[in-house]
Amino acid sequence: MKNGKKLTVYQRNYLHSLGLNPNEWLLSKKTNIEWVLIERSSGEPHVIPAP
């Protein structure tokens, strides 16, 4: 699995609009269809639709 990267301001705002706390997530993979996020504490992946 790829290492997660810090979120940009736009990505943080998008996660906040989905009801997720941006401080708890790292971005692992970003495509036109979906984003794969990794939870900082547990390392569990989570897939959300791309904006």
Protein backbone atom coordinates (compact mmCIF):
# COMPACT_ATOMS: atom_id res chain seq x y z
CA MET A 1 0.00 0.00 0.00
CA LYS A 2 1.21 3.52 -0.78
CA ASN A 3 2.14 5.94 1.96
CA GLY A 4 -0.54 8.50 2.69
CA LYS A 5 0.03 12.19 1.96
CA LYS A 6 -1.20 15.28 3.80
CA LEU A 7 -4.40 16.83 2.44
CA THR A 8 -4.56 20.16 0.62
CA VAL A 9 -6.97 22.90 1.71
CA TYR A 10 -9.43 21.93 -1.06
CA GLN A 11 -9.31 18.26 -0.05
CA ARG A 12 -9.80 19.16 3.63
CA ASN A 13 -12.87 21.24 2.78
CA TYR A 14 -14.30 18.40 0.68
CA LEU A 15 -13.86 15.86 3.50
CA HIS A 16 -15.45 18.28 5.96
CA SER A 17 -18.47 18.62 3.63
CA LEU A 18 -18.83 14.80 3.71
CA GLY A 19 -18.88 14.84 7.51
CA LEU A 20 -15.37 13.43 7.97
CA ASN A 21 -12.71 14.96 10.20
CA PRO A 22 -9.83 15.89 7.85
CA ASN A 23 -7.29 15.66 10.69
CA GLU A 24 -7.86 11.89 10.89
CA TRP A 25 -7.18 11.04 7.23
CA LEU A 26 -4.29 10.81 4.75
CA LEU A 27 -4.72 10.62 0.97
CA SER A 28 -3.33 7.41 -0.51
CA LYS A 29 -4.70 7.38 -4.07
CA LYS A 30 -6.59 9.98 -6.09
CA THR A 31 -8.36 9.20 -9.38
CA ASN A 32 -11.14 10.88 -11.35
CA ILE A 33 -13.67 8.44 -9.91
CA GLU A 34 -12.63 7.89 -6.30
CA TRP A 35 -10.17 8.80 -3.55
CA VAL A 36 -8.61 6.21 -1.26
CA LEU A 37 -8.03 7.60 2.22
CA ILE A 38 -6.11 6.00 5.07
CA GLU A 39 -7.13 6.56 8.67
CA ARG A 40 -4.17 7.88 10.67
CA SER A 41 -4.81 5.88 13.84
CA SER A 42 -5.70 2.43 12.53
CA GLY A 43 -4.33 2.44 8.96
CA GLU A 44 -7.67 1.24 7.56
CA PRO A 45 -8.40 2.31 3.94
CA HIS A 46 -11.64 4.10 3.10
CA VAL A 47 -12.94 4.88 -0.41
CA ILE A 48 -14.97 8.03 -1.13
CA PRO A 49 -16.30 9.37 -4.45
CA ALA A 50 -14.24 12.10 -6.09
CA PRO A 51 -15.80 15.56 -6.27
